[in-house]
N, C-alpha and C. Protein backbone atom coordinates (compact mmCIF):
# COMPACT_ATOMS: atom_id res chain seq x y z
N MET A 1 0.84 -1.14 -0.04
CA MET A 1 -0.12 0.08 -0.11
C MET A 1 0.85 1.33 -0.05
N ASN A 2 0.40 2.39 -0.90
CA ASN A 2 1.34 3.51 -0.88
C ASN A 2 0.40 4.23 -0.16
N CYS A 3 1.20 5.33 0.34
CA CYS A 3 0.58 6.55 1.22
C CYS A 3 1.39 7.84 0.95
N GLY A 4 0.73 8.93 1.17
CA GLY A 4 1.40 10.13 0.81
C GLY A 4 2.70 10.39 1.86
N LEU A 5 3.56 11.19 1.52
CA LEU A 5 4.56 11.46 2.59
C LEU A 5 4.14 12.30 3.70
N ALA A 6 2.91 13.08 3.58
CA ALA A 6 2.50 13.57 4.82
C ALA A 6 2.05 12.34 5.70
N ASP A 7 1.15 11.40 5.16
CA ASP A 7 0.73 10.35 5.98
C ASP A 7 1.62 9.58 6.45
N LEU A 8 3.01 9.32 5.88
CA LEU A 8 4.01 8.56 6.50
C LEU A 8 4.44 9.35 7.85
N ASP A 9 4.38 10.56 7.92
CA ASP A 9 5.09 11.30 9.37
C ASP A 9 4.20 11.32 10.39
N THR A 10 2.62 10.55 10.04
CA THR A 10 1.73 10.29 11.05
C THR A 10 1.80 8.89 11.51
N ALA A 11 2.58 8.22 10.84
CA ALA A 11 2.58 6.68 11.15
C ALA A 11 3.26 6.37 12.76
N ASP A 12 2.45 5.61 13.69
CA ASP A 12 2.97 5.26 15.02
C ASP A 12 3.35 3.99 15.01
N PHE A 13 3.12 3.12 13.88
CA PHE A 13 3.73 1.68 14.00
C PHE A 13 4.11 1.13 12.78
N CYS A 14 4.92 0.50 12.86
CA CYS A 14 5.49 -0.20 11.57
C CYS A 14 6.01 -1.68 11.73
N SER A 15 5.91 -2.66 10.69
CA SER A 15 6.16 -3.90 10.95
C SER A 15 7.30 -4.40 9.65
N LEU A 16 8.21 -4.98 10.18
CA LEU A 16 9.21 -5.42 9.18
C LEU A 16 9.12 -6.87 9.16
N THR A 17 9.24 -7.35 7.85
CA THR A 17 9.43 -8.88 7.61
C THR A 17 10.55 -9.23 7.29
N PHE A 18 11.15 -10.18 7.80
CA PHE A 18 12.45 -10.69 7.46
C PHE A 18 12.36 -11.97 6.86
N SER A 19 12.59 -11.85 5.31
CA SER A 19 12.39 -13.09 4.76
C SER A 19 13.43 -14.28 4.89
N THR A 20 14.63 -13.85 5.07
CA THR A 20 15.75 -14.95 5.79
C THR A 20 16.18 -14.41 6.78
N GLN A 21 16.51 -15.19 7.63
CA GLN A 21 17.53 -14.84 8.82
C GLN A 21 18.59 -15.88 9.23
N LYS A 22 19.68 -15.43 9.87
CA LYS A 22 20.82 -16.51 10.24
C LYS A 22 20.36 -17.62 10.79
N ASN A 23 19.12 -17.55 11.79
CA ASN A 23 18.61 -18.80 12.80
C ASN A 23 17.88 -19.64 11.93
N GLY A 24 17.52 -19.26 10.66
CA GLY A 24 16.73 -20.18 9.74
C GLY A 24 15.21 -19.77 9.57
N VAL A 25 14.92 -18.78 10.63
CA VAL A 25 13.39 -18.51 10.69
C VAL A 25 13.05 -17.60 9.39
N LYS A 26 11.97 -17.93 8.68
CA LYS A 26 11.67 -17.27 7.53
C LYS A 26 10.31 -16.50 7.72
N ASN A 27 10.31 -15.39 6.99
CA ASN A 27 8.90 -14.55 7.05
C ASN A 27 8.68 -13.89 8.40
N GLU A 28 9.71 -13.89 9.26
CA GLU A 28 9.30 -13.41 10.81
C GLU A 28 8.82 -11.83 10.65
N LYS A 29 7.87 -11.69 11.19
CA LYS A 29 7.39 -10.23 11.20
C LYS A 29 7.89 -9.62 12.74
N ILE A 30 8.20 -8.49 12.63
CA ILE A 30 8.73 -7.56 14.02
C ILE A 30 8.10 -6.23 13.80
N GLY A 31 7.26 -6.01 14.96
CA GLY A 31 6.61 -4.79 15.10
C GLY A 31 7.23 -3.93 15.91
N HIS A 32 7.42 -2.65 15.46
CA HIS A 32 7.74 -1.41 16.07
C HIS A 32 7.01 -0.25 16.32
N VAL A 33 7.02 0.35 17.77
CA VAL A 33 6.15 1.70 17.95
C VAL A 33 7.12 2.77 18.08
N ARG A 34 6.59 3.90 18.10
CA ARG A 34 7.48 5.24 18.25
C ARG A 34 8.00 5.26 19.54
N SER A 35 9.18 5.69 19.67
CA SER A 35 9.67 5.76 21.10
C SER A 35 9.92 7.01 21.43
N GLY A 36 9.56 8.24 20.60
CA GLY A 36 9.70 9.52 20.81
C GLY A 36 11.05 10.00 20.62
N HIS A 37 12.02 9.34 20.54
CA HIS A 37 13.40 9.84 20.28
C HIS A 37 13.66 10.23 19.10
N HIS A 38 14.23 11.60 19.01
CA HIS A 38 14.22 12.13 17.48
C HIS A 38 15.10 11.44 16.74
N LEU A 39 16.12 10.65 17.12
CA LEU A 39 16.92 10.00 16.21
C LEU A 39 16.89 8.53 16.11
N CYS A 40 16.46 7.69 17.45
CA CYS A 40 16.87 6.51 17.79
C CYS A 40 15.35 5.81 17.48
N CYS A 41 14.35 6.53 17.07
CA CYS A 41 12.85 5.91 17.17
C CYS A 41 13.06 4.97 15.96
N PRO A 42 12.68 3.62 16.00
CA PRO A 42 12.50 2.93 14.86
C PRO A 42 11.53 3.18 13.81
N VAL A 43 10.47 3.51 14.35
CA VAL A 43 9.44 4.22 13.30
C VAL A 43 10.06 5.44 12.40
N ALA A 44 10.47 6.36 13.29
CA ALA A 44 10.89 7.34 12.38
C ALA A 44 12.22 7.04 11.44
N ALA A 45 12.99 6.11 11.82
CA ALA A 45 14.00 5.79 11.05
C ALA A 45 13.44 5.10 9.86
N ILE A 46 12.44 4.15 9.85
CA ILE A 46 12.02 3.49 8.87
C ILE A 46 11.11 4.36 7.77
N ILE A 47 10.82 5.52 8.45
CA ILE A 47 10.08 6.64 7.77
C ILE A 47 11.13 7.43 6.96
N ARG A 48 12.31 7.51 7.55
CA ARG A 48 13.34 8.33 6.57
C ARG A 48 13.94 7.34 5.78
N ARG A 49 14.14 5.91 6.00
CA ARG A 49 14.33 5.15 4.90
C ARG A 49 13.58 5.20 3.59
N VAL A 50 12.25 4.98 4.05
CA VAL A 50 11.12 5.05 2.83
C VAL A 50 11.12 6.35 2.01
N LYS A 51 11.39 7.57 2.89
CA LYS A 51 11.50 8.58 2.02
C LYS A 51 12.75 8.68 1.30
N HIS A 52 13.66 8.18 1.60
CA HIS A 52 15.11 8.17 0.64
C HIS A 52 14.69 7.50 -0.59
N LEU A 53 13.97 6.52 -0.40
CA LEU A 53 13.90 5.26 -1.27
C LEU A 53 12.91 6.12 -2.38
N ARG A 54 11.78 6.60 -1.84
CA ARG A 54 10.88 7.46 -2.81
C ARG A 54 11.60 8.35 -3.23
N ALA A 55 12.48 9.49 -3.02
CA ALA A 55 13.11 10.48 -3.35
C ALA A 55 13.69 10.14 -4.43
N ASN A 56 14.40 8.95 -4.64
CA ASN A 56 15.07 8.72 -5.38
C ASN A 56 14.74 7.58 -6.49
N ASN A 57 13.32 7.44 -6.53
CA ASN A 57 12.76 6.41 -7.47
C ASN A 57 13.01 5.14 -7.53
N ALA A 58 13.07 4.54 -6.11
CA ALA A 58 13.28 3.12 -5.98
C ALA A 58 12.24 2.34 -6.34
N LEU A 59 12.55 1.30 -7.03
CA LEU A 59 11.20 0.21 -7.33
C LEU A 59 10.53 -0.18 -5.95
N PRO A 60 9.36 -0.49 -6.00
CA PRO A 60 8.54 -0.73 -4.82
C PRO A 60 9.09 -2.08 -4.09
N ASP A 61 9.89 -2.86 -4.64
CA ASP A 61 10.66 -4.18 -3.62
C ASP A 61 11.79 -3.86 -3.48
N THR A 62 12.30 -2.68 -3.50
CA THR A 62 13.90 -2.32 -3.08
C THR A 62 13.85 -2.63 -1.65
N PRO A 63 14.83 -3.26 -1.10
CA PRO A 63 14.94 -3.44 0.42
C PRO A 63 15.38 -2.32 0.88
N LEU A 64 15.02 -1.84 2.38
CA LEU A 64 15.30 -0.79 3.12
C LEU A 64 16.82 -0.67 3.29
N SER A 65 17.51 -1.74 3.07
CA SER A 65 19.17 -1.60 3.17
C SER A 65 19.88 -0.76 1.81
N MET A 66 19.10 -0.64 0.98
CA MET A 66 19.70 -0.02 -0.09
C MET A 66 19.76 1.60 0.11
N TYR A 67 20.62 2.21 -0.59
CA TYR A 67 20.74 3.82 -0.54
C TYR A 67 21.24 4.26 -1.82
N PHE A 68 20.97 5.33 -2.36
CA PHE A 68 20.99 6.07 -3.72
C PHE A 68 22.33 6.86 -3.48
N GLY A 69 23.40 6.85 -4.13
CA GLY A 69 24.51 7.59 -3.88
C GLY A 69 24.52 8.48 -5.13
N THR A 70 24.18 9.96 -4.48
CA THR A 70 23.71 10.85 -5.15
C THR A 70 25.21 11.29 -6.17
N THR A 71 26.35 11.16 -5.89
CA THR A 71 27.71 11.46 -6.54
C THR A 71 27.75 10.50 -7.68
N SER A 72 27.51 9.28 -7.34
CA SER A 72 27.53 8.21 -8.53
C SER A 72 26.44 7.72 -9.12
N ASN A 73 25.41 8.26 -8.69
CA ASN A 73 24.01 8.16 -9.36
C ASN A 73 23.67 6.49 -9.52
N GLN A 74 23.94 5.81 -8.49
CA GLN A 74 23.57 4.32 -8.47
C GLN A 74 23.14 4.04 -6.96
N TRP A 75 22.64 2.89 -7.20
CA TRP A 75 22.14 2.37 -5.81
C TRP A 75 23.39 1.37 -5.06
N PHE A 76 23.56 1.38 -3.87
CA PHE A 76 24.42 0.53 -2.91
C PHE A 76 23.67 -0.12 -2.09
N LYS A 77 24.09 -1.39 -1.69
CA LYS A 77 23.48 -2.04 -0.59
C LYS A 77 24.41 -1.83 0.75
N ILE A 78 23.76 -1.71 1.86
CA ILE A 78 24.51 -1.54 2.85
C ILE A 78 24.87 -3.01 3.44
N THR A 79 26.02 -3.15 3.73
CA THR A 79 26.62 -4.53 4.19
C THR A 79 26.75 -4.58 5.34
N SER A 80 26.80 -5.79 6.19
CA SER A 80 27.22 -6.10 7.53
C SER A 80 28.48 -5.66 7.78
N LYS A 81 29.58 -5.63 6.83
CA LYS A 81 30.82 -4.87 6.84
C LYS A 81 30.74 -3.27 7.05
N ASP A 82 29.80 -2.91 6.45
CA ASP A 82 29.50 -1.44 6.44
C ASP A 82 28.99 -1.04 7.99
N ILE A 83 28.24 -1.69 8.36
CA ILE A 83 27.66 -1.57 9.89
C ILE A 83 28.60 -1.71 10.99
N THR A 84 29.63 -2.80 10.65
CA THR A 84 30.45 -2.90 11.80
C THR A 84 31.46 -1.63 11.54
N ALA A 85 31.79 -1.23 10.54
CA ALA A 85 32.77 0.02 10.43
C ALA A 85 32.23 1.14 11.11
N ASN A 86 30.85 1.43 11.06
CA ASN A 86 30.25 2.62 11.57
C ASN A 86 30.09 2.32 12.96
N LEU A 87 29.68 1.00 13.72
CA LEU A 87 29.65 0.92 14.75
C LEU A 87 31.07 0.91 15.47
N ARG A 88 31.93 0.73 14.91
CA ARG A 88 33.36 0.87 15.57
C ARG A 88 33.91 2.15 15.53
N GLN A 89 33.35 2.72 14.63
CA GLN A 89 33.73 4.19 14.55
C GLN A 89 33.03 5.12 15.93
N ALA A 90 31.71 4.56 15.90
CA ALA A 90 31.01 5.34 17.10
C ALA A 90 31.57 4.90 18.44
N VAL A 91 32.12 3.77 18.52
CA VAL A 91 32.73 3.37 19.89
C VAL A 91 33.95 4.32 20.16
N ILE A 92 34.71 4.54 19.09
CA ILE A 92 35.93 5.37 19.05
C ILE A 92 35.45 6.83 19.65
N VAL A 93 34.40 7.27 18.88
CA VAL A 93 33.89 8.53 19.53
C VAL A 93 33.53 8.69 20.74
N LEU A 94 32.72 7.42 21.20
CA LEU A 94 32.20 7.56 22.63
C LEU A 94 33.25 7.12 23.75
N ASN A 95 34.58 6.97 23.26
CA ASN A 95 35.68 6.46 24.24
C ASN A 95 35.49 5.20 24.68
N PRO A 96 36.33 4.14 24.19
CA PRO A 96 36.18 2.74 24.47
C PRO A 96 36.52 2.57 25.81
N THR A 97 37.34 3.15 26.61
CA THR A 97 37.69 3.04 27.91
C THR A 97 36.48 3.23 28.56
N ALA A 98 35.81 4.16 28.57
CA ALA A 98 34.47 4.67 29.36
C ALA A 98 33.27 3.55 29.00
N LEU A 99 33.36 2.82 28.05
CA LEU A 99 32.48 1.97 27.52
C LEU A 99 32.62 0.43 28.14
N GLY A 100 34.12 0.29 28.29
CA GLY A 100 34.47 -0.94 28.79
C GLY A 100 34.72 -2.20 27.84
N PHE A 101 34.77 -1.64 26.66
CA PHE A 101 35.11 -2.63 25.51
C PHE A 101 35.89 -2.01 24.37
N GLU A 102 36.34 -2.71 23.47
CA GLU A 102 37.29 -1.93 22.53
C GLU A 102 36.62 -2.29 21.08
N THR A 103 37.05 -1.55 20.13
CA THR A 103 36.42 -1.77 18.82
C THR A 103 36.55 -3.06 18.27
N LYS A 104 37.66 -3.82 18.77
CA LYS A 104 37.66 -5.09 18.09
C LYS A 104 36.36 -6.08 18.74
N ASP A 105 35.71 -5.69 19.67
CA ASP A 105 34.97 -6.40 20.31
C ASP A 105 33.48 -6.29 19.60
N ILE A 106 33.20 -5.25 18.69
CA ILE A 106 31.99 -5.06 18.01
C ILE A 106 32.13 -5.70 16.48
N GLU A 107 31.10 -6.34 16.34
CA GLU A 107 30.65 -6.62 14.97
C GLU A 107 29.07 -6.61 14.77
N ALA A 108 28.89 -6.53 13.57
CA ALA A 108 27.44 -6.27 13.09
C ALA A 108 26.64 -7.79 13.69
N ARG A 109 27.29 -8.65 13.54
CA ARG A 109 26.69 -9.84 13.87
C ARG A 109 26.27 -10.24 15.44
N SER A 110 26.79 -9.04 16.00
CA SER A 110 26.69 -8.97 17.70
C SER A 110 25.28 -8.68 17.89
N LEU A 111 24.73 -7.98 16.83
CA LEU A 111 23.28 -7.50 17.02
C LEU A 111 22.41 -8.41 17.04
């Protein structure tokens, strides 16, 4: 179902379907509600992803894990390697000593 951009902003619940998972469960659905946090709300994050996909004319079946590179004018898939690199960078910024673990302890599969 398609809705307008203004309607997207009013969403307070979303459901994600995981077609395949490492644990072997297929088509598992996970629901999220708004948390109220301006950056970490799962519903707001999905809305931002959908808006990005729509703004760049993605096909309706484009995974949320895709992003459009405006300088290269092409689509890219976010990989677990990308997520690991970003999580490790966040640990560096937040001070690994204060957190009690090192960057080598972080991998996307830890999630």
